[in-house]
Amino acid sequence: QLQLVESGGGLVQPGGSLRLSCAASGFTLDDYAVGWFRQAPGKEREGVSCISSSDEIIYSEDSVKGRFTISRDNAKNTVYLQMKSLEPEDTAVYYCNAQKTMAEYWGPGTQVTVTY
């Protein structure tokens, strides 16, 4: 079965850190661009960060620059989102998306909640 699965979400206090993982099964991520998106309650889904198949960071949303870092480990078929200095405004369901010509996959999402 071809799928993406996110993990690493949870409850964290403001200022804390989390690392999200996006693991692919049934296909390899090597030639896919992979992006992280998030959707907060009552808001539209927005792009957070994206990394190309050649390991170039091609997008970071302004509010996460300097706090979130996207990276990929092709040997583990996984893309990561390292998040630090988390803020309550970062609370959302985080999704990963893998995309190349004629193929696109979404994961089911992982909840990140930033609160005291």
N, C-alpha and C. Protein backbone atom coordinates (compact mmCIF):
# COMPACT_ATOMS: atom_id res chain seq x y z
N GLN A 1 0.85 -1.20 0.00
CA GLN A 1 0.00 0.00 0.00
C GLN A 1 0.88 1.23 0.00
N LEU A 2 0.54 2.19 -0.87
CA LEU A 2 1.32 3.41 -0.97
C LEU A 2 0.75 4.43 0.02
N GLN A 3 1.58 4.87 0.95
CA GLN A 3 1.07 5.82 1.92
C GLN A 3 2.17 6.62 2.59
N LEU A 4 1.74 7.76 3.12
CA LEU A 4 2.58 8.59 3.97
C LEU A 4 1.98 8.57 5.36
N VAL A 5 2.83 8.53 6.36
CA VAL A 5 2.35 8.57 7.74
C VAL A 5 3.19 9.55 8.53
N GLU A 6 2.50 10.51 9.15
CA GLU A 6 3.18 11.47 10.02
C GLU A 6 3.22 10.94 11.45
N SER A 7 4.21 11.36 12.19
CA SER A 7 4.32 11.04 13.61
C SER A 7 5.11 12.12 14.30
N GLY A 8 5.07 12.11 15.62
CA GLY A 8 5.87 13.04 16.40
C GLY A 8 5.10 14.21 16.98
N GLY A 9 3.83 14.30 16.67
CA GLY A 9 3.02 15.37 17.24
C GLY A 9 2.77 15.13 18.71
N GLY A 10 2.18 16.14 19.35
CA GLY A 10 1.88 15.99 20.77
C GLY A 10 1.57 17.32 21.41
N LEU A 11 1.59 17.28 22.73
CA LEU A 11 1.32 18.47 23.54
C LEU A 11 2.64 19.01 24.07
N VAL A 12 2.86 20.30 23.88
CA VAL A 12 4.12 20.90 24.31
C VAL A 12 3.84 22.32 24.81
N GLN A 13 4.65 22.77 25.75
CA GLN A 13 4.50 24.13 26.26
C GLN A 13 5.14 25.15 25.32
N PRO A 14 4.67 26.37 25.35
CA PRO A 14 5.33 27.43 24.54
C PRO A 14 6.83 27.48 24.82
N GLY A 15 7.58 27.63 23.75
CA GLY A 15 9.04 27.61 23.85
C GLY A 15 9.64 26.24 23.67
N GLY A 16 8.81 25.22 23.65
CA GLY A 16 9.29 23.85 23.52
C GLY A 16 9.58 23.46 22.08
N SER A 17 9.97 22.21 21.92
CA SER A 17 10.36 21.69 20.61
C SER A 17 9.68 20.35 20.33
N LEU A 18 9.49 20.08 19.07
CA LEU A 18 9.02 18.78 18.59
C LEU A 18 9.69 18.50 17.25
N ARG A 19 9.83 17.23 16.95
CA ARG A 19 10.28 16.83 15.62
C ARG A 19 9.22 15.92 15.00
N LEU A 20 8.67 16.38 13.91
CA LEU A 20 7.70 15.59 13.16
C LEU A 20 8.42 14.75 12.11
N SER A 21 7.90 13.56 11.89
CA SER A 21 8.43 12.68 10.86
C SER A 21 7.34 12.36 9.85
N CYS A 22 7.74 12.23 8.62
CA CYS A 22 6.84 11.84 7.53
C CYS A 22 7.49 10.66 6.83
N ALA A 23 6.96 9.48 7.06
CA ALA A 23 7.55 8.26 6.51
C ALA A 23 6.70 7.73 5.38
N ALA A 24 7.36 7.34 4.31
CA ALA A 24 6.66 6.76 3.16
C ALA A 24 6.78 5.25 3.18
N SER A 25 5.72 4.60 2.75
CA SER A 25 5.77 3.15 2.57
C SER A 25 5.15 2.80 1.24
N GLY A 26 5.71 1.81 0.59
CA GLY A 26 5.21 1.40 -0.70
C GLY A 26 5.81 2.17 -1.86
N PHE A 27 6.56 3.21 -1.58
CA PHE A 27 7.25 3.97 -2.62
C PHE A 27 8.41 4.71 -1.97
N THR A 28 9.35 5.18 -2.79
CA THR A 28 10.50 5.90 -2.25
C THR A 28 10.31 7.39 -2.47
N LEU A 29 10.77 8.16 -1.50
CA LEU A 29 10.60 9.61 -1.55
C LEU A 29 11.69 10.31 -2.35
N ASP A 30 12.69 9.57 -2.81
CA ASP A 30 13.87 10.19 -3.42
C ASP A 30 13.55 11.22 -4.48
N ASP A 31 12.58 10.92 -5.34
CA ASP A 31 12.33 11.84 -6.45
C ASP A 31 11.06 12.66 -6.26
N TYR A 32 10.64 12.80 -5.01
CA TYR A 32 9.48 13.62 -4.68
C TYR A 32 9.90 14.89 -3.96
N ALA A 33 9.24 16.00 -4.28
CA ALA A 33 9.29 17.16 -3.40
C ALA A 33 8.31 16.88 -2.25
N VAL A 34 8.71 17.25 -1.05
CA VAL A 34 7.88 16.97 0.12
C VAL A 34 7.64 18.26 0.88
N GLY A 35 6.40 18.47 1.22
CA GLY A 35 6.04 19.67 1.96
C GLY A 35 5.29 19.34 3.23
N TRP A 36 5.43 20.22 4.20
CA TRP A 36 4.63 20.17 5.41
C TRP A 36 3.59 21.27 5.34
N PHE A 37 2.36 20.92 5.70
CA PHE A 37 1.25 21.85 5.74
C PHE A 37 0.62 21.75 7.13
N ARG A 38 -0.17 22.75 7.48
CA ARG A 38 -0.87 22.68 8.75
C ARG A 38 -2.24 23.31 8.61
N GLN A 39 -3.15 22.86 9.46
CA GLN A 39 -4.49 23.41 9.46
C GLN A 39 -4.95 23.57 10.91
N ALA A 40 -5.14 24.82 11.29
CA ALA A 40 -5.64 25.15 12.62
C ALA A 40 -7.17 25.15 12.59
N PRO A 41 -7.80 24.97 13.75
CA PRO A 41 -9.27 24.97 13.79
C PRO A 41 -9.85 26.24 13.19
N GLY A 42 -10.80 26.07 12.30
CA GLY A 42 -11.46 27.22 11.69
C GLY A 42 -10.67 27.95 10.63
N LYS A 43 -9.50 27.42 10.29
CA LYS A 43 -8.66 28.08 9.29
C LYS A 43 -8.39 27.16 8.11
N GLU A 44 -7.95 27.75 7.01
CA GLU A 44 -7.60 26.96 5.85
C GLU A 44 -6.22 26.31 6.04
N ARG A 45 -6.01 25.22 5.33
CA ARG A 45 -4.71 24.58 5.35
C ARG A 45 -3.67 25.51 4.71
N GLU A 46 -2.51 25.61 5.33
CA GLU A 46 -1.47 26.49 4.80
C GLU A 46 -0.15 25.74 4.69
N GLY A 47 0.67 26.15 3.76
CA GLY A 47 1.98 25.56 3.60
C GLY A 47 2.92 26.06 4.69
N VAL A 48 3.75 25.18 5.20
CA VAL A 48 4.72 25.52 6.24
C VAL A 48 6.13 25.54 5.66
N SER A 49 6.51 24.45 5.03
CA SER A 49 7.85 24.37 4.48
C SER A 49 7.88 23.25 3.45
N CYS A 50 8.80 23.38 2.49
CA CYS A 50 8.87 22.39 1.42
C CYS A 50 10.33 22.17 1.04
N ILE A 51 10.66 20.91 0.75
CA ILE A 51 12.02 20.55 0.35
C ILE A 51 11.95 19.81 -0.97
N SER A 52 12.88 20.14 -1.86
CA SER A 52 12.86 19.52 -3.19
C SER A 52 13.48 18.13 -3.14
N SER A 53 13.35 17.43 -4.25
CA SER A 53 13.94 16.10 -4.35
C SER A 53 15.47 16.16 -4.31
N SER A 54 16.01 17.33 -4.64
CA SER A 54 17.47 17.51 -4.59
C SER A 54 17.92 18.15 -3.29
N ASP A 55 17.07 18.10 -2.27
CA ASP A 55 17.43 18.53 -0.91
C ASP A 55 17.54 20.05 -0.78
N GLU A 56 16.88 20.78 -1.63
CA GLU A 56 16.87 22.24 -1.53
C GLU A 56 15.58 22.68 -0.84
N ILE A 57 15.73 23.55 0.13
CA ILE A 57 14.55 24.10 0.80
C ILE A 57 13.96 25.17 -0.11
N ILE A 58 12.77 24.91 -0.61
CA ILE A 58 12.22 25.80 -1.62
C ILE A 58 11.12 26.69 -1.08
N TYR A 59 10.71 26.46 0.18
CA TYR A 59 9.69 27.33 0.76
C TYR A 59 9.71 27.20 2.27
N SER A 60 9.59 28.34 2.95
CA SER A 60 9.31 28.37 4.39
C SER A 60 8.37 29.53 4.65
N GLU A 61 7.31 29.23 5.34
CA GLU A 61 6.34 30.27 5.68
C GLU A 61 7.00 31.28 6.61
N ASP A 62 6.67 32.56 6.46
CA ASP A 62 7.39 33.62 7.18
C ASP A 62 7.40 33.42 8.69
N SER A 63 6.27 32.99 9.26
CA SER A 63 6.18 32.91 10.71
C SER A 63 7.02 31.78 11.30
N VAL A 64 7.51 30.85 10.48
CA VAL A 64 8.29 29.73 11.01
C VAL A 64 9.78 29.85 10.68
N LYS A 65 10.14 30.85 9.88
CA LYS A 65 11.55 31.01 9.53
C LYS A 65 12.38 31.25 10.77
N GLY A 66 13.48 30.51 10.86
CA GLY A 66 14.34 30.60 12.03
C GLY A 66 13.90 29.71 13.18
N ARG A 67 12.71 29.10 13.08
CA ARG A 67 12.22 28.22 14.14
C ARG A 67 12.02 26.78 13.66
N PHE A 68 11.56 26.61 12.43
CA PHE A 68 11.29 25.28 11.88
C PHE A 68 12.32 24.96 10.80
N THR A 69 12.75 23.71 10.77
CA THR A 69 13.71 23.27 9.76
C THR A 69 13.23 21.97 9.14
N ILE A 70 13.12 21.97 7.83
CA ILE A 70 12.74 20.75 7.11
C ILE A 70 14.00 20.06 6.63
N SER A 71 13.99 18.74 6.66
CA SER A 71 15.14 17.97 6.17
C SER A 71 14.64 16.61 5.71
N ARG A 72 15.49 15.93 4.98
CA ARG A 72 15.11 14.61 4.49
C ARG A 72 16.24 13.62 4.66
N ASP A 73 15.88 12.39 4.90
CA ASP A 73 16.83 11.29 5.00
C ASP A 73 16.34 10.21 4.05
N ASN A 74 16.88 10.20 2.86
CA ASN A 74 16.41 9.26 1.84
C ASN A 74 16.70 7.81 2.24
N ALA A 75 17.74 7.60 3.00
CA ALA A 75 18.06 6.24 3.44
C ALA A 75 16.94 5.68 4.34
N LYS A 76 16.28 6.58 5.07
CA LYS A 76 15.18 6.17 5.95
C LYS A 76 13.82 6.43 5.31
N ASN A 77 13.85 6.95 4.07
CA ASN A 77 12.60 7.23 3.36
C ASN A 77 11.67 8.13 4.18
N THR A 78 12.28 9.13 4.80
CA THR A 78 11.57 9.98 5.76
C THR A 78 11.96 11.44 5.58
N VAL A 79 10.98 12.31 5.79
CA VAL A 79 11.23 13.75 5.83
C VAL A 79 10.84 14.24 7.21
N TYR A 80 11.62 15.17 7.73
CA TYR A 80 11.42 15.65 9.09
C TYR A 80 11.05 17.14 9.09
N LEU A 81 10.39 17.54 10.15
CA LEU A 81 10.18 18.96 10.42
C LEU A 81 10.58 19.19 11.88
N GLN A 82 11.74 19.78 12.07
CA GLN A 82 12.20 20.11 13.41
C GLN A 82 11.59 21.45 13.79
N MET A 83 10.86 21.48 14.87
CA MET A 83 10.18 22.70 15.30
C MET A 83 10.71 23.10 16.68
N LYS A 84 11.15 24.33 16.81
CA LYS A 84 11.61 24.84 18.10
C LYS A 84 10.93 26.18 18.37
N SER A 85 11.08 26.65 19.61
CA SER A 85 10.45 27.91 20.02
C SER A 85 8.98 27.93 19.63
N LEU A 86 8.30 26.84 19.92
CA LEU A 86 6.90 26.71 19.52
C LEU A 86 6.03 27.73 20.24
N GLU A 87 5.02 28.18 19.53
CA GLU A 87 4.10 29.20 20.03
C GLU A 87 2.68 28.64 19.97
N PRO A 88 1.78 29.18 20.80
CA PRO A 88 0.39 28.70 20.73
C PRO A 88 -0.20 28.80 19.32
N GLU A 89 0.26 29.77 18.55
CA GLU A 89 -0.24 29.94 17.18
C GLU A 89 0.20 28.81 16.25
N ASP A 90 1.12 27.98 16.69
CA ASP A 90 1.55 26.84 15.89
C ASP A 90 0.63 25.63 16.08
N THR A 91 -0.31 25.74 16.98
CA THR A 91 -1.26 24.64 17.21
C THR A 91 -2.05 24.36 15.95
N ALA A 92 -2.01 23.11 15.51
CA ALA A 92 -2.69 22.71 14.27
C ALA A 92 -2.49 21.22 14.05
N VAL A 93 -3.21 20.71 13.07
CA VAL A 93 -2.90 19.38 12.54
C VAL A 93 -1.88 19.58 11.43
N TYR A 94 -0.79 18.86 11.51
CA TYR A 94 0.29 18.97 10.54
C TYR A 94 0.24 17.78 9.57
N TYR A 95 0.29 18.11 8.30
CA TYR A 95 0.22 17.10 7.24
C TYR A 95 1.48 17.15 6.39
N CYS A 96 1.88 16.00 5.88
CA CYS A 96 2.94 16.02 4.88
C CYS A 96 2.37 15.62 3.53
N ASN A 97 3.01 16.13 2.51
CA ASN A 97 2.58 15.93 1.13
C ASN A 97 3.80 15.62 0.29
N ALA A 98 3.71 14.56 -0.49
CA ALA A 98 4.79 14.21 -1.41
C ALA A 98 4.26 14.36 -2.82
N GLN A 99 5.04 15.01 -3.65
CA GLN A 99 4.53 15.34 -4.97
C GLN A 99 5.62 15.24 -6.04
N LYS A 100 5.26 14.67 -7.17
CA LYS A 100 6.08 14.72 -8.37
C LYS A 100 5.12 14.69 -9.54
N THR A 101 5.61 14.78 -10.74
CA THR A 101 4.75 14.77 -11.92
C THR A 101 3.86 13.52 -11.91
N MET A 102 2.57 13.73 -11.99
CA MET A 102 1.57 12.66 -12.09
C MET A 102 1.43 11.83 -10.82
N ALA A 103 1.95 12.30 -9.70
CA ALA A 103 1.78 11.54 -8.45
C ALA A 103 1.78 12.48 -7.27
N GLU A 104 0.88 12.25 -6.33
CA GLU A 104 0.79 13.07 -5.12
C GLU A 104 0.18 12.23 -4.01
N TYR A 105 0.75 12.38 -2.83
CA TYR A 105 0.26 11.66 -1.66
C TYR A 105 0.16 12.61 -0.48
N TRP A 106 -0.85 12.36 0.35
CA TRP A 106 -1.03 13.09 1.60
C TRP A 106 -1.03 12.09 2.76
N GLY A 107 -0.50 12.50 3.88
CA GLY A 107 -0.63 11.72 5.09
C GLY A 107 -1.90 12.12 5.83
N PRO A 108 -2.28 11.34 6.84
CA PRO A 108 -3.51 11.63 7.59
C PRO A 108 -3.38 12.75 8.59
N GLY A 109 -2.15 13.16 8.90
CA GLY A 109 -1.94 14.28 9.81
C GLY A 109 -1.57 13.85 11.22
N THR A 110 -0.92 14.78 11.91
CA THR A 110 -0.57 14.59 13.33
C THR A 110 -0.84 15.89 14.06
N GLN A 111 -1.44 15.77 15.23
CA GLN A 111 -1.85 16.96 15.99
C GLN A 111 -0.68 17.52 16.79
N VAL A 112 -0.50 18.82 16.68
CA VAL A 112 0.46 19.55 17.51
C VAL A 112 -0.32 20.58 18.31
N THR A 113 -0.18 20.52 19.63
CA THR A 113 -0.87 21.46 20.51
C THR A 113 0.15 22.14 21.39
N VAL A 114 0.18 23.47 21.33
CA VAL A 114 1.13 24.26 22.11
C VAL A 114 0.33 25.07 23.12
N THR A 115 0.49 24.71 24.39
CA THR A 115 -0.29 25.37 25.43
C THR A 115 0.39 25.17 26.77
N TYR A 116 0.05 26.04 27.73
CA TYR A 116 0.56 25.89 29.09
C TYR A 116 -0.22 24.82 29.82
